[in-house]
């Protein structure tokens, strides 16, 4: 039985799997999106979210833990300076997996995993002036589209479609 054995093996040895995910998380945080298979994307999500959580902590211990997993120092710097502050107010769910279909060569299901972009600015509320507020209240209400279409069809049916000698 597989009790308390989380994670997918993905047909690899442990050392190969760990090395693969170290490379994938480095590429993912460097590019902020990568295309891979569904199973790898689902496993990568947990690793990447742990790294972003380290970045949100921001202390020396978290930086060392992230640097021990991520292979590139520039990516670690990017994680702590640009990516982690973007998700300061968010409690998890930093990634999104979008299914892309199947790979033609081996029929493997492919996915795009990307960082979720937050909308930092809400849309500004428009203030209506007194003049424009008065004109909207006096404008006649719109008729339903179905009523307009049925009236135009009725008008076309009432027309006489016989040709006269002048038209021929």
C-alpha atoms as a PDB file:
ATOM      1  CA  UNK A   1       0.000   0.000   0.000  1.00  0.00           C
ATOM      2  CA  UNK A   2       1.097   3.586  -0.632  1.00  0.00           C
ATOM      3  CA  UNK A   3       0.155   5.166   2.695  1.00  0.00           C
ATOM      4  CA  UNK A   4       2.012   8.440   3.406  1.00  0.00           C
ATOM      5  CA  UNK A   5       3.874   8.381   0.108  1.00  0.00           C
ATOM      6  CA  UNK A   6       2.901  11.608  -1.634  1.00  0.00           C
ATOM      7  CA  UNK A   7       4.043  12.699  -5.064  1.00  0.00           C
ATOM      8  CA  UNK A   8       4.421  11.107  -8.473  1.00  0.00           C
ATOM      9  CA  UNK A   9       7.447   9.068  -9.456  1.00  0.00           C
ATOM     10  CA  UNK A  10       7.181   9.980 -13.149  1.00  0.00           C
ATOM     11  CA  UNK A  11       9.176   6.893 -14.159  1.00  0.00           C
ATOM     12  CA  UNK A  12      12.454   8.261 -12.816  1.00  0.00           C
ATOM     13  CA  UNK A  13      14.867   7.496 -10.038  1.00  0.00           C
ATOM     14  CA  UNK A  14      14.774   9.735  -6.978  1.00  0.00           C
ATOM     15  CA  UNK A  15      17.964  11.596  -7.841  1.00  0.00           C
ATOM     16  CA  UNK A  16      16.833  12.170 -11.433  1.00  0.00           C
ATOM     17  CA  UNK A  17      13.422  13.402 -10.284  1.00  0.00           C
ATOM     18  CA  UNK A  18      14.916  15.838  -7.753  1.00  0.00           C
ATOM     19  CA  UNK A  19      17.387  17.181 -10.333  1.00  0.00           C
ATOM     20  CA  UNK A  20      14.602  17.543 -12.900  1.00  0.00           C
ATOM     21  CA  UNK A  21      12.413  19.566 -10.533  1.00  0.00           C
ATOM     22  CA  UNK A  22      15.353  21.771  -9.508  1.00  0.00           C
ATOM     23  CA  UNK A  23      15.928  22.581 -13.174  1.00  0.00           C
ATOM     24  CA  UNK A  24      12.213  23.049 -13.859  1.00  0.00           C
ATOM     25  CA  UNK A  25      11.638  25.425 -10.929  1.00  0.00           C
ATOM     26  CA  UNK A  26      14.692  27.438 -11.967  1.00  0.00           C
ATOM     27  CA  UNK A  27      13.360  27.763 -15.514  1.00  0.00           C
ATOM     28  CA  UNK A  28       9.832  28.443 -14.300  1.00  0.00           C
ATOM     29  CA  UNK A  29      10.793  31.281 -11.946  1.00  0.00           C
ATOM     30  CA  UNK A  30      13.209  32.711 -14.496  1.00  0.00           C
ATOM     31  CA  UNK A  31      10.664  32.791 -17.341  1.00  0.00           C
ATOM     32  CA  UNK A  32       7.473  32.955 -15.220  1.00  0.00           C
ATOM     33  CA  UNK A  33       5.832  30.339 -17.498  1.00  0.00           C
ATOM     34  CA  UNK A  34       6.822  27.029 -19.052  1.00  0.00           C
ATOM     35  CA  UNK A  35       5.149  24.317 -21.105  1.00  0.00           C
ATOM     36  CA  UNK A  36       5.391  20.749 -19.828  1.00  0.00           C
ATOM     37  CA  UNK A  37       3.282  17.631 -19.325  1.00  0.00           C
ATOM     38  CA  UNK A  38       0.275  17.665 -16.990  1.00  0.00           C
ATOM     39  CA  UNK A  39       1.839  15.399 -14.377  1.00  0.00           C
ATOM     40  CA  UNK A  40       5.088  17.379 -14.228  1.00  0.00           C
ATOM     41  CA  UNK A  41       3.178  20.677 -14.037  1.00  0.00           C
ATOM     42  CA  UNK A  42       1.082  19.443 -11.113  1.00  0.00           C
ATOM     43  CA  UNK A  43       4.193  18.343  -9.218  1.00  0.00           C
ATOM     44  CA  UNK A  44       6.085  21.512 -10.132  1.00  0.00           C
ATOM     45  CA  UNK A  45       3.274  23.644  -8.705  1.00  0.00           C
ATOM     46  CA  UNK A  46       3.950  22.529  -5.119  1.00  0.00           C
ATOM     47  CA  UNK A  47       7.712  23.104  -5.422  1.00  0.00           C
ATOM     48  CA  UNK A  48       7.298  26.536  -7.024  1.00  0.00           C
ATOM     49  CA  UNK A  49       4.775  27.679  -4.428  1.00  0.00           C
ATOM     50  CA  UNK A  50       7.170  26.668  -1.635  1.00  0.00           C
ATOM     51  CA  UNK A  51       9.894  28.765  -3.263  1.00  0.00           C
ATOM     52  CA  UNK A  52       7.573  31.781  -3.532  1.00  0.00           C
ATOM     53  CA  UNK A  53       6.644  31.343   0.134  1.00  0.00           C
ATOM     54  CA  UNK A  54      10.358  31.418   0.989  1.00  0.00           C
ATOM     55  CA  UNK A  55      10.607  34.612  -1.038  1.00  0.00           C
ATOM     56  CA  UNK A  56       7.722  36.161   0.910  1.00  0.00           C
ATOM     57  CA  UNK A  57       9.494  35.446   4.212  1.00  0.00           C
ATOM     58  CA  UNK A  58      12.482  37.347   2.901  1.00  0.00           C
ATOM     59  CA  UNK A  59      14.922  36.550   5.720  1.00  0.00           C
ATOM     60  CA  UNK A  60      18.413  35.118   5.341  1.00  0.00           C
ATOM     61  CA  UNK A  61      17.369  31.599   6.279  1.00  0.00           C
ATOM     62  CA  UNK A  62      14.635  31.542   3.630  1.00  0.00           C
ATOM     63  CA  UNK A  63      17.051  32.919   1.038  1.00  0.00           C
ATOM     64  CA  UNK A  64      19.562  30.168   1.803  1.00  0.00           C
ATOM     65  CA  UNK A  65      16.881  27.475   1.614  1.00  0.00           C
ATOM     66  CA  UNK A  66      15.683  28.796  -1.746  1.00  0.00           C
ATOM     67  CA  UNK A  67      19.250  29.113  -3.041  1.00  0.00           C
ATOM     68  CA  UNK A  68      19.960  25.512  -2.043  1.00  0.00           C
ATOM     69  CA  UNK A  69      17.157  24.358  -4.374  1.00  0.00           C
ATOM     70  CA  UNK A  70      17.204  26.908  -7.207  1.00  0.00           C
ATOM     71  CA  UNK A  71      20.216  26.528  -9.484  1.00  0.00           C
ATOM     72  CA  UNK A  72      20.765  30.128 -10.605  1.00  0.00           C
ATOM     73  CA  UNK A  73      21.654  33.040  -8.316  1.00  0.00           C
ATOM     74  CA  UNK A  74      19.984  35.526 -10.671  1.00  0.00           C
ATOM     75  CA  UNK A  75      16.707  33.616 -10.372  1.00  0.00           C
ATOM     76  CA  UNK A  76      16.988  33.633  -6.562  1.00  0.00           C
ATOM     77  CA  UNK A  77      17.505  37.393  -6.676  1.00  0.00           C
ATOM     78  CA  UNK A  78      14.521  37.776  -9.008  1.00  0.00           C
ATOM     79  CA  UNK A  79      12.405  35.634  -6.691  1.00  0.00           C
ATOM     80  CA  UNK A  80      13.172  37.756  -3.630  1.00  0.00           C
ATOM     81  CA  UNK A  81      13.094  41.178  -5.308  1.00  0.00           C
ATOM     82  CA  UNK A  82      10.310  41.027  -7.913  1.00  0.00           C
ATOM     83  CA  UNK A  83       8.213  37.847  -7.726  1.00  0.00           C
ATOM     84  CA  UNK A  84       7.655  37.502  -3.961  1.00  0.00           C
ATOM     85  CA  UNK A  85       6.642  41.146  -3.305  1.00  0.00           C
ATOM     86  CA  UNK A  86       4.004  40.792  -6.036  1.00  0.00           C
ATOM     87  CA  UNK A  87       2.240  38.140  -3.922  1.00  0.00           C
ATOM     88  CA  UNK A  88       2.683  39.769  -0.518  1.00  0.00           C
ATOM     89  CA  UNK A  89      -1.057  39.956   0.173  1.00  0.00           C
ATOM     90  CA  UNK A  90      -1.885  36.560  -1.366  1.00  0.00           C
ATOM     91  CA  UNK A  91      -2.076  33.393   0.740  1.00  0.00           C
ATOM     92  CA  UNK A  92      -1.111  30.725  -1.772  1.00  0.00           C
ATOM     93  CA  UNK A  93      -2.330  29.925  -5.255  1.00  0.00           C
ATOM     94  CA  UNK A  94       0.530  31.665  -7.034  1.00  0.00           C
ATOM     95  CA  UNK A  95       0.448  29.437 -10.117  1.00  0.00           C
ATOM     96  CA  UNK A  96      -2.067  28.566 -12.814  1.00  0.00           C
ATOM     97  CA  UNK A  97      -2.095  25.428 -14.948  1.00  0.00           C
ATOM     98  CA  UNK A  98      -3.709  25.712 -18.379  1.00  0.00           C
ATOM     99  CA  UNK A  99      -4.283  22.509 -20.353  1.00  0.00           C
ATOM    100  CA  UNK A 100      -3.006  22.776 -23.928  1.00  0.00           C
ATOM    101  CA  UNK A 101      -4.017  19.455 -25.475  1.00  0.00           C
ATOM    102  CA  UNK A 102      -1.870  16.545 -26.533  1.00  0.00           C
ATOM    103  CA  UNK A 103       1.693  16.408 -27.836  1.00  0.00           C
ATOM    104  CA  UNK A 104       1.753  15.009 -31.383  1.00  0.00           C
ATOM    105  CA  UNK A 105       4.843  12.825 -30.910  1.00  0.00           C
ATOM    106  CA  UNK A 106       3.814  10.649 -27.975  1.00  0.00           C
ATOM    107  CA  UNK A 107       0.226  11.728 -27.235  1.00  0.00           C
ATOM    108  CA  UNK A 108       1.215  13.135 -23.829  1.00  0.00           C
ATOM    109  CA  UNK A 109      -1.207  15.699 -22.335  1.00  0.00           C
ATOM    110  CA  UNK A 110       0.534  19.092 -22.264  1.00  0.00           C
ATOM    111  CA  UNK A 111       0.012  22.051 -19.954  1.00  0.00           C
ATOM    112  CA  UNK A 112       1.195  25.596 -19.540  1.00  0.00           C
ATOM    113  CA  UNK A 113       2.104  26.520 -15.986  1.00  0.00           C
ATOM    114  CA  UNK A 114       2.402  30.229 -15.281  1.00  0.00           C
ATOM    115  CA  UNK A 115       2.441  32.687 -12.426  1.00  0.00           C
ATOM    116  CA  UNK A 116      -0.882  34.265 -11.606  1.00  0.00           C
ATOM    117  CA  UNK A 117      -0.846  37.984 -12.306  1.00  0.00           C
ATOM    118  CA  UNK A 118      -2.754  40.071  -9.819  1.00  0.00           C
ATOM    119  CA  UNK A 119      -4.610  43.214 -10.776  1.00  0.00           C
ATOM    120  CA  UNK A 120      -3.068  45.803  -8.537  1.00  0.00           C
ATOM    121  CA  UNK A 121      -5.252  48.754  -9.546  1.00  0.00           C
ATOM    122  CA  UNK A 122      -9.045  48.613  -9.465  1.00  0.00           C
ATOM    123  CA  UNK A 123     -10.869  50.405 -12.235  1.00  0.00           C
ATOM    124  CA  UNK A 124     -11.511  54.050 -11.386  1.00  0.00           C
ATOM    125  CA  UNK A 125     -15.099  54.940 -10.599  1.00  0.00           C
ATOM    126  CA  UNK A 126     -16.509  57.464 -13.033  1.00  0.00           C
ATOM    127  CA  UNK A 127     -18.216  60.438 -11.526  1.00  0.00           C
ATOM    128  CA  UNK A 128     -21.190  61.599 -13.571  1.00  0.00           C
ATOM    129  CA  UNK A 129     -21.714  65.291 -13.972  1.00  0.00           C
ATOM    130  CA  UNK A 130     -25.106  66.906 -13.425  1.00  0.00           C
ATOM    131  CA  UNK A 131     -25.563  67.527 -17.132  1.00  0.00           C
ATOM    132  CA  UNK A 132     -24.888  63.936 -18.206  1.00  0.00           C
ATOM    133  CA  UNK A 133     -26.950  62.539 -15.308  1.00  0.00           C
ATOM    134  CA  UNK A 134     -29.977  64.570 -16.457  1.00  0.00           C
ATOM    135  CA  UNK A 135     -29.722  63.418 -20.058  1.00  0.00           C
ATOM    136  CA  UNK A 136     -29.598  59.730 -19.160  1.00  0.00           C
ATOM    137  CA  UNK A 137     -32.744  60.033 -17.069  1.00  0.00           C
ATOM    138  CA  UNK A 138     -34.717  61.679 -19.910  1.00  0.00           C
ATOM    139  CA  UNK A 139     -33.565  59.289 -22.630  1.00  0.00           C
ATOM    140  CA  UNK A 140     -36.224  56.832 -23.724  1.00  0.00           C
ATOM    141  CA  UNK A 141     -35.707  53.262 -22.583  1.00  0.00           C
ATOM    142  CA  UNK A 142     -34.362  50.757 -25.081  1.00  0.00           C
ATOM    143  CA  UNK A 143     -36.853  48.407 -26.709  1.00  0.00           C
ATOM    144  CA  UNK A 144     -36.054  44.733 -26.495  1.00  0.00           C
ATOM    145  CA  UNK A 145     -34.161  43.472 -29.545  1.00  0.00           C
ATOM    146  CA  UNK A 146     -36.683  40.707 -30.184  1.00  0.00           C
ATOM    147  CA  UNK A 147     -39.478  43.263 -30.498  1.00  0.00           C
ATOM    148  CA  UNK A 148     -37.475  45.331 -33.021  1.00  0.00           C
ATOM    149  CA  UNK A 149     -36.679  42.257 -35.108  1.00  0.00           C
ATOM    150  CA  UNK A 150     -40.294  41.045 -35.136  1.00  0.00           C
ATOM    151  CA  UNK A 151     -41.493  44.518 -36.211  1.00  0.00           C
ATOM    152  CA  UNK A 152     -38.988  44.657 -39.074  1.00  0.00           C
ATOM    153  CA  UNK A 153     -40.002  41.165 -40.240  1.00  0.00           C
ATOM    154  CA  UNK A 154     -43.653  42.127 -40.163  1.00  0.00           C
ATOM    155  CA  UNK A 155     -42.887  45.246 -42.249  1.00  0.00           C
ATOM    156  CA  UNK A 156     -41.047  43.137 -44.861  1.00  0.00           C
ATOM    157  CA  UNK A 157     -43.895  40.634 -45.089  1.00  0.00           C
ATOM    158  CA  UNK A 158     -46.431  43.409 -45.716  1.00  0.00           C
ATOM    159  CA  UNK A 159     -44.492  44.630 -48.777  1.00  0.00           C
ATOM    160  CA  UNK A 160     -45.738  43.484 -52.144  1.00  0.00           C
ATOM    161  CA  UNK A 161     -42.996  41.575 -53.958  1.00  0.00           C
ATOM    162  CA  UNK A 162     -44.645  41.384 -57.376  1.00  0.00           C
ATOM    163  CA  UNK A 163     -42.726  43.032 -60.171  1.00  0.00           C
ATOM    164  CA  UNK A 164     -44.218  45.707 -62.311  1.00  0.00           C
ATOM    165  CA  UNK A 165     -43.401  46.215 -66.024  1.00  0.00           C
ATOM    166  CA  UNK A 166     -41.278  49.262 -65.190  1.00  0.00           C
ATOM    167  CA  UNK A 167     -39.015  47.176 -62.861  1.00  0.00           C
ATOM    168  CA  UNK A 168     -38.514  44.346 -65.378  1.00  0.00           C
END
